[in-house]
Amino acid sequence: MQCKPLLLALSLSTLLLAGCSTTHYISITPKVDVKNSGLTNDRVIDVSTSTKLTNAIGSIKTGINERADIFTTNDINQSVKESVLKGLRELGFTPDQGVMPPADLQIDITKMSYTTKVETLKTVATLEFELKTTLSAKGQTYKANYGSQKVREYGTMPYQQAIQDDMNELASQTVNRLLGDPNVIALLKQ
């Protein structure tokens, strides 16, 4: 009879030491924040996106031994492309109208990561999102890199929604940097 409380205590200790493991599934959808500038284009604007990244963004390990892997649930290529096209339209451009050959805006999603390290009992998370672009228009080629980084600190495992909100904030900042680049605007406008 005395073995039951000891067995129960050992079982609970083992569970606490083993930690908790879970998976967070998030959707990355950058939001554009640009002002309508009444810009016009004379050439079609062809926007294409690519990436060599997988849907694994990273993982979390907290100071109290909680673990979570983070994956995207949507097509990041499509979501970035749709955001850029929406932003171009909000600036006044009509990407699908104009003469040929088109202005060619190639966007490579080079980094989308969530990494953590444990400092004492707190977890320090570094979130990163980067784009590499090449714009060919008017006989010129312009290349640029845009990136955003954020550092967060946690005591326990962050909620899935908080991770999604943070990653979307970074993706949005990065896309808005591209849309606000005066060199991109100059090559696209009439």
C-alpha atoms as a PDB file:
ATOM      1  CA  MET A   1       0.000   0.000   0.000  1.00  0.00           C
ATOM      2  CA  GLN A   2       2.910   2.358   0.734  1.00  0.00           C
ATOM      3  CA  CYS A   3       4.296   1.738  -2.746  1.00  0.00           C
ATOM      4  CA  LYS A   4       1.363   3.482  -4.460  1.00  0.00           C
ATOM      5  CA  PRO A   5       2.177   7.017  -3.170  1.00  0.00           C
ATOM      6  CA  LEU A   6       5.867   6.499  -3.982  1.00  0.00           C
ATOM      7  CA  LEU A   7       5.023   5.234  -7.469  1.00  0.00           C
ATOM      8  CA  LEU A   8       2.677   8.187  -8.022  1.00  0.00           C
ATOM      9  CA  ALA A   9       5.340  10.667  -6.891  1.00  0.00           C
ATOM     10  CA  LEU A  10       7.936   9.073  -9.193  1.00  0.00           C
ATOM     11  CA  SER A  11       5.506   9.141 -12.115  1.00  0.00           C
ATOM     12  CA  LEU A  12       4.725  12.840 -11.597  1.00  0.00           C
ATOM     13  CA  SER A  13       8.431  13.677 -11.271  1.00  0.00           C
ATOM     14  CA  THR A  14       9.176  11.867 -14.513  1.00  0.00           C
ATOM     15  CA  LEU A  15       6.426  13.776 -16.327  1.00  0.00           C
ATOM     16  CA  LEU A  16       7.730  17.112 -15.046  1.00  0.00           C
ATOM     17  CA  LEU A  17      11.305  16.305 -16.021  1.00  0.00           C
ATOM     18  CA  ALA A  18      10.287  15.074 -19.452  1.00  0.00           C
ATOM     19  CA  GLY A  19       8.629  18.410 -20.208  1.00  0.00           C
ATOM     20  CA  CYS A  20       5.814  19.049 -22.582  1.00  0.00           C
ATOM     21  CA  SER A  21       6.082  18.729 -26.345  1.00  0.00           C
ATOM     22  CA  THR A  22       3.659  20.194 -28.863  1.00  0.00           C
ATOM     23  CA  THR A  23       3.435  21.556 -32.395  1.00  0.00           C
ATOM     24  CA  HIS A  24       2.339  25.043 -33.436  1.00  0.00           C
ATOM     25  CA  TYR A  25       0.817  25.497 -36.891  1.00  0.00           C
ATOM     26  CA  ILE A  26       0.702  29.084 -38.127  1.00  0.00           C
ATOM     27  CA  SER A  27      -0.332  30.931 -41.272  1.00  0.00           C
ATOM     28  CA  ILE A  28       1.941  33.639 -42.676  1.00  0.00           C
ATOM     29  CA  THR A  29      -0.035  36.390 -44.411  1.00  0.00           C
ATOM     30  CA  PRO A  30       1.786  39.738 -44.676  1.00  0.00           C
ATOM     31  CA  LYS A  31      -0.420  42.822 -44.371  1.00  0.00           C
ATOM     32  CA  VAL A  32       0.431  45.832 -46.507  1.00  0.00           C
ATOM     33  CA  ASP A  33       0.392  49.343 -45.093  1.00  0.00           C
ATOM     34  CA  VAL A  34       0.973  51.814 -47.932  1.00  0.00           C
ATOM     35  CA  LYS A  35      -0.664  55.083 -48.905  1.00  0.00           C
ATOM     36  CA  ASN A  36      -2.308  55.508 -52.301  1.00  0.00           C
ATOM     37  CA  SER A  37       0.145  57.666 -54.180  1.00  0.00           C
ATOM     38  CA  GLY A  38      -1.746  57.698 -57.451  1.00  0.00           C
ATOM     39  CA  LEU A  39       1.184  56.030 -59.184  1.00  0.00           C
ATOM     40  CA  THR A  40       0.775  54.647 -62.688  1.00  0.00           C
ATOM     41  CA  ASN A  41       2.734  52.174 -64.750  1.00  0.00           C
ATOM     42  CA  ASP A  42       3.087  51.878 -68.512  1.00  0.00           C
ATOM     43  CA  ARG A  43       4.338  48.273 -68.444  1.00  0.00           C
ATOM     44  CA  VAL A  44       2.759  45.145 -67.059  1.00  0.00           C
ATOM     45  CA  ILE A  45       4.337  44.284 -63.697  1.00  0.00           C
ATOM     46  CA  ASP A  46       5.128  40.589 -63.433  1.00  0.00           C
ATOM     47  CA  VAL A  47       5.603  39.543 -59.792  1.00  0.00           C
ATOM     48  CA  SER A  48       7.049  36.108 -59.050  1.00  0.00           C
ATOM     49  CA  THR A  49       8.079  34.526 -55.767  1.00  0.00           C
ATOM     50  CA  SER A  50      10.266  31.577 -54.899  1.00  0.00           C
ATOM     51  CA  THR A  51      11.861  29.975 -51.879  1.00  0.00           C
ATOM     52  CA  LYS A  52      13.987  27.000 -50.953  1.00  0.00           C
ATOM     53  CA  LEU A  53      12.557  27.037 -47.433  1.00  0.00           C
ATOM     54  CA  THR A  54      10.337  24.254 -46.139  1.00  0.00           C
ATOM     55  CA  ASN A  55       7.230  24.752 -44.033  1.00  0.00           C
ATOM     56  CA  ALA A  56       9.320  24.231 -40.862  1.00  0.00           C
ATOM     57  CA  ILE A  57       9.997  27.641 -39.311  1.00  0.00           C
ATOM     58  CA  GLY A  58      11.823  26.510 -36.196  1.00  0.00           C
ATOM     59  CA  SER A  59      11.296  25.236 -32.702  1.00  0.00           C
ATOM     60  CA  ILE A  60      10.992  26.450 -29.153  1.00  0.00           C
ATOM     61  CA  LYS A  61      12.641  25.041 -26.056  1.00  0.00           C
ATOM     62  CA  THR A  62      11.825  26.857 -22.834  1.00  0.00           C
ATOM     63  CA  GLY A  63      13.729  27.029 -19.562  1.00  0.00           C
ATOM     64  CA  ILE A  64      11.222  24.654 -17.974  1.00  0.00           C
ATOM     65  CA  ASN A  65      11.828  22.070 -20.699  1.00  0.00           C
ATOM     66  CA  GLU A  66       8.718  22.682 -22.779  1.00  0.00           C
ATOM     67  CA  ARG A  67       9.169  22.063 -26.496  1.00  0.00           C
ATOM     68  CA  ALA A  68       7.268  23.001 -29.641  1.00  0.00           C
ATOM     69  CA  ASP A  69       7.975  22.743 -33.357  1.00  0.00           C
ATOM     70  CA  ILE A  70       6.600  25.528 -35.578  1.00  0.00           C
ATOM     71  CA  PHE A  71       5.268  24.935 -39.101  1.00  0.00           C
ATOM     72  CA  THR A  72       3.446  27.080 -41.655  1.00  0.00           C
ATOM     73  CA  THR A  73       0.106  25.863 -42.929  1.00  0.00           C
ATOM     74  CA  ASN A  74      -0.118  28.025 -46.037  1.00  0.00           C
ATOM     75  CA  ASP A  75       1.918  28.543 -49.222  1.00  0.00           C
ATOM     76  CA  ILE A  76       4.316  31.343 -48.288  1.00  0.00           C
ATOM     77  CA  ASN A  77       5.165  31.992 -51.960  1.00  0.00           C
ATOM     78  CA  GLN A  78       1.530  32.668 -52.785  1.00  0.00           C
ATOM     79  CA  SER A  79       0.878  34.742 -49.672  1.00  0.00           C
ATOM     80  CA  VAL A  80       3.894  37.043 -50.241  1.00  0.00           C
ATOM     81  CA  LYS A  81       3.009  37.420 -53.935  1.00  0.00           C
ATOM     82  CA  GLU A  82      -0.606  38.329 -53.121  1.00  0.00           C
ATOM     83  CA  SER A  83       0.549  40.857 -50.495  1.00  0.00           C
ATOM     84  CA  VAL A  84       2.989  42.546 -52.907  1.00  0.00           C
ATOM     85  CA  LEU A  85       0.364  42.708 -55.675  1.00  0.00           C
ATOM     86  CA  LYS A  86      -2.178  44.159 -53.217  1.00  0.00           C
ATOM     87  CA  GLY A  87       0.374  46.765 -52.123  1.00  0.00           C
ATOM     88  CA  LEU A  88       1.199  47.717 -55.709  1.00  0.00           C
ATOM     89  CA  ARG A  89      -2.512  48.213 -56.424  1.00  0.00           C
ATOM     90  CA  GLU A  90      -2.915  50.312 -53.273  1.00  0.00           C
ATOM     91  CA  LEU A  91      -0.049  52.517 -54.503  1.00  0.00           C
ATOM     92  CA  GLY A  92      -2.048  53.085 -57.682  1.00  0.00           C
ATOM     93  CA  PHE A  93      -0.296  50.663 -60.018  1.00  0.00           C
ATOM     94  CA  THR A  94      -2.238  48.284 -62.279  1.00  0.00           C
ATOM     95  CA  PRO A  95       0.131  45.284 -62.464  1.00  0.00           C
ATOM     96  CA  ASP A  96      -1.935  43.348 -64.999  1.00  0.00           C
ATOM     97  CA  GLN A  97      -2.275  46.248 -67.466  1.00  0.00           C
ATOM     98  CA  GLY A  98       0.296  47.871 -69.712  1.00  0.00           C
ATOM     99  CA  VAL A  99       2.623  47.186 -72.581  1.00  0.00           C
ATOM    100  CA  MET A 100       5.053  44.320 -72.944  1.00  0.00           C
ATOM    101  CA  PRO A 101       7.741  43.314 -72.114  1.00  0.00           C
ATOM    102  CA  PRO A 102       6.763  43.480 -68.456  1.00  0.00           C
ATOM    103  CA  ALA A 103       8.682  44.895 -65.528  1.00  0.00           C
ATOM    104  CA  ASP A 104       9.930  41.726 -63.828  1.00  0.00           C
ATOM    105  CA  LEU A 105       9.893  41.718 -60.005  1.00  0.00           C
ATOM    106  CA  GLN A 106      11.397  38.489 -58.661  1.00  0.00           C
ATOM    107  CA  ILE A 107      11.144  37.920 -54.916  1.00  0.00           C
ATOM    108  CA  ASP A 108      13.052  35.160 -53.157  1.00  0.00           C
ATOM    109  CA  ILE A 109      11.991  34.398 -49.580  1.00  0.00           C
ATOM    110  CA  THR A 110      15.400  33.635 -48.092  1.00  0.00           C
ATOM    111  CA  LYS A 111      14.707  33.447 -44.368  1.00  0.00           C
ATOM    112  CA  MET A 112      11.744  32.711 -42.159  1.00  0.00           C
ATOM    113  CA  SER A 113      12.936  31.477 -38.799  1.00  0.00           C
ATOM    114  CA  TYR A 114      12.074  31.224 -35.127  1.00  0.00           C
ATOM    115  CA  THR A 115      14.987  30.172 -32.931  1.00  0.00           C
ATOM    116  CA  THR A 116      15.295  30.103 -29.164  1.00  0.00           C
ATOM    117  CA  LYS A 117      17.942  29.891 -26.496  1.00  0.00           C
ATOM    118  CA  VAL A 118      17.483  29.471 -22.777  1.00  0.00           C
ATOM    119  CA  GLU A 119      18.986  31.984 -20.369  1.00  0.00           C
ATOM    120  CA  THR A 120      18.458  30.807 -16.786  1.00  0.00           C
ATOM    121  CA  LEU A 121      14.689  30.192 -16.690  1.00  0.00           C
ATOM    122  CA  LYS A 122      13.674  32.567 -19.464  1.00  0.00           C
ATOM    123  CA  THR A 123      13.499  31.763 -23.142  1.00  0.00           C
ATOM    124  CA  VAL A 124      14.888  34.288 -25.634  1.00  0.00           C
ATOM    125  CA  ALA A 125      13.352  33.906 -29.101  1.00  0.00           C
ATOM    126  CA  THR A 126      14.831  35.464 -32.246  1.00  0.00           C
ATOM    127  CA  LEU A 127      12.405  35.801 -35.143  1.00  0.00           C
ATOM    128  CA  GLU A 128      13.629  36.647 -38.646  1.00  0.00           C
ATOM    129  CA  PHE A 129      12.054  37.208 -42.065  1.00  0.00           C
ATOM    130  CA  GLU A 130      14.047  38.168 -45.180  1.00  0.00           C
ATOM    131  CA  LEU A 131      13.390  38.785 -48.864  1.00  0.00           C
ATOM    132  CA  LYS A 132      15.864  39.140 -51.717  1.00  0.00           C
ATOM    133  CA  THR A 133      14.507  40.967 -54.763  1.00  0.00           C
ATOM    134  CA  THR A 134      15.579  41.574 -58.337  1.00  0.00           C
ATOM    135  CA  LEU A 135      13.645  44.105 -60.406  1.00  0.00           C
ATOM    136  CA  SER A 136      14.295  44.389 -64.134  1.00  0.00           C
ATOM    137  CA  ALA A 137      12.558  47.331 -65.804  1.00  0.00           C
ATOM    138  CA  LYS A 138      13.353  50.150 -68.247  1.00  0.00           C
ATOM    139  CA  GLY A 139      16.568  48.404 -69.292  1.00  0.00           C
ATOM    140  CA  GLN A 140      17.889  48.450 -65.709  1.00  0.00           C
ATOM    141  CA  THR A 141      18.249  45.847 -62.971  1.00  0.00           C
ATOM    142  CA  TYR A 142      17.919  46.700 -59.299  1.00  0.00           C
ATOM    143  CA  LYS A 143      18.707  44.198 -56.533  1.00  0.00           C
ATOM    144  CA  ALA A 144      17.913  44.636 -52.857  1.00  0.00           C
ATOM    145  CA  ASN A 145      17.540  42.669 -49.641  1.00  0.00           C
ATOM    146  CA  TYR A 146      14.884  43.439 -47.055  1.00  0.00           C
ATOM    147  CA  GLY A 147      14.769  41.916 -43.611  1.00  0.00           C
ATOM    148  CA  SER A 148      13.163  42.224 -40.211  1.00  0.00           C
ATOM    149  CA  GLN A 149      14.147  40.771 -36.864  1.00  0.00           C
ATOM    150  CA  LYS A 150      12.441  40.677 -33.493  1.00  0.00           C
ATOM    151  CA  VAL A 151      13.567  39.370 -30.112  1.00  0.00           C
ATOM    152  CA  ARG A 152      11.003  38.145 -27.576  1.00  0.00           C
ATOM    153  CA  GLU A 153      11.434  36.801 -24.041  1.00  0.00           C
ATOM    154  CA  TYR A 154       9.183  34.197 -22.425  1.00  0.00           C
ATOM    155  CA  GLY A 155       8.921  32.446 -19.084  1.00  0.00           C
ATOM    156  CA  THR A 156       6.710  29.665 -20.417  1.00  0.00           C
ATOM    157  CA  MET A 157       5.639  28.386 -23.827  1.00  0.00           C
ATOM    158  CA  PRO A 158       4.084  31.167 -25.943  1.00  0.00           C
ATOM    159  CA  TYR A 159       0.657  30.561 -27.422  1.00  0.00           C
ATOM    160  CA  GLN A 160       0.347  29.570 -31.066  1.00  0.00           C
ATOM    161  CA  GLN A 161      -1.567  32.812 -31.813  1.00  0.00           C
ATOM    162  CA  ALA A 162       1.231  34.947 -30.307  1.00  0.00           C
ATOM    163  CA  ILE A 163       3.813  33.209 -32.511  1.00  0.00           C
ATOM    164  CA  GLN A 164       1.634  33.676 -35.592  1.00  0.00           C
ATOM    165  CA  ASP A 165       1.057  37.367 -34.781  1.00  0.00           C
ATOM    166  CA  ASP A 166       4.799  37.993 -34.276  1.00  0.00           C
ATOM    167  CA  MET A 167       5.803  36.219 -37.500  1.00  0.00           C
ATOM    168  CA  ASN A 168       3.110  38.042 -39.478  1.00  0.00           C
ATOM    169  CA  GLU A 169       4.263  41.377 -38.058  1.00  0.00           C
ATOM    170  CA  LEU A 170       7.798  40.647 -39.311  1.00  0.00           C
ATOM    171  CA  ALA A 171       6.614  39.472 -42.726  1.00  0.00           C
ATOM    172  CA  SER A 172       4.448  42.610 -43.035  1.00  0.00           C
ATOM    173  CA  GLN A 173       7.314  44.940 -42.093  1.00  0.00           C
ATOM    174  CA  THR A 174       9.537  43.276 -44.687  1.00  0.00           C
ATOM    175  CA  VAL A 175       6.988  43.441 -47.521  1.00  0.00           C
ATOM    176  CA  ASN A 176       6.262  47.085 -46.654  1.00  0.00           C
ATOM    177  CA  ARG A 177       9.986  47.892 -46.869  1.00  0.00           C
ATOM    178  CA  LEU A 178      10.011  46.489 -50.405  1.00  0.00           C
ATOM    179  CA  LEU A 179       6.886  48.476 -51.363  1.00  0.00           C
ATOM    180  CA  GLY A 180       8.339  51.659 -49.847  1.00  0.00           C
ATOM    181  CA  ASP A 181      11.711  51.422 -51.606  1.00  0.00           C
ATOM    182  CA  PRO A 182      12.021  54.570 -53.776  1.00  0.00           C
ATOM    183  CA  ASN A 183      14.217  52.706 -56.290  1.00  0.00           C
ATOM    184  CA  VAL A 184      11.513  50.078 -56.829  1.00  0.00           C
ATOM    185  CA  ILE A 185       8.876  52.807 -57.229  1.00  0.00           C
ATOM    186  CA  ALA A 186      11.048  54.731 -59.700  1.00  0.00           C
ATOM    187  CA  LEU A 187      11.547  51.700 -61.945  1.00  0.00           C
ATOM    188  CA  LEU A 188       7.882  50.709 -61.889  1.00  0.00           C
ATOM    189  CA  LYS A 189       6.195  54.049 -62.414  1.00  0.00           C
ATOM    190  CA  GLN A 190       5.433  55.575 -65.798  1.00  0.00           C
END
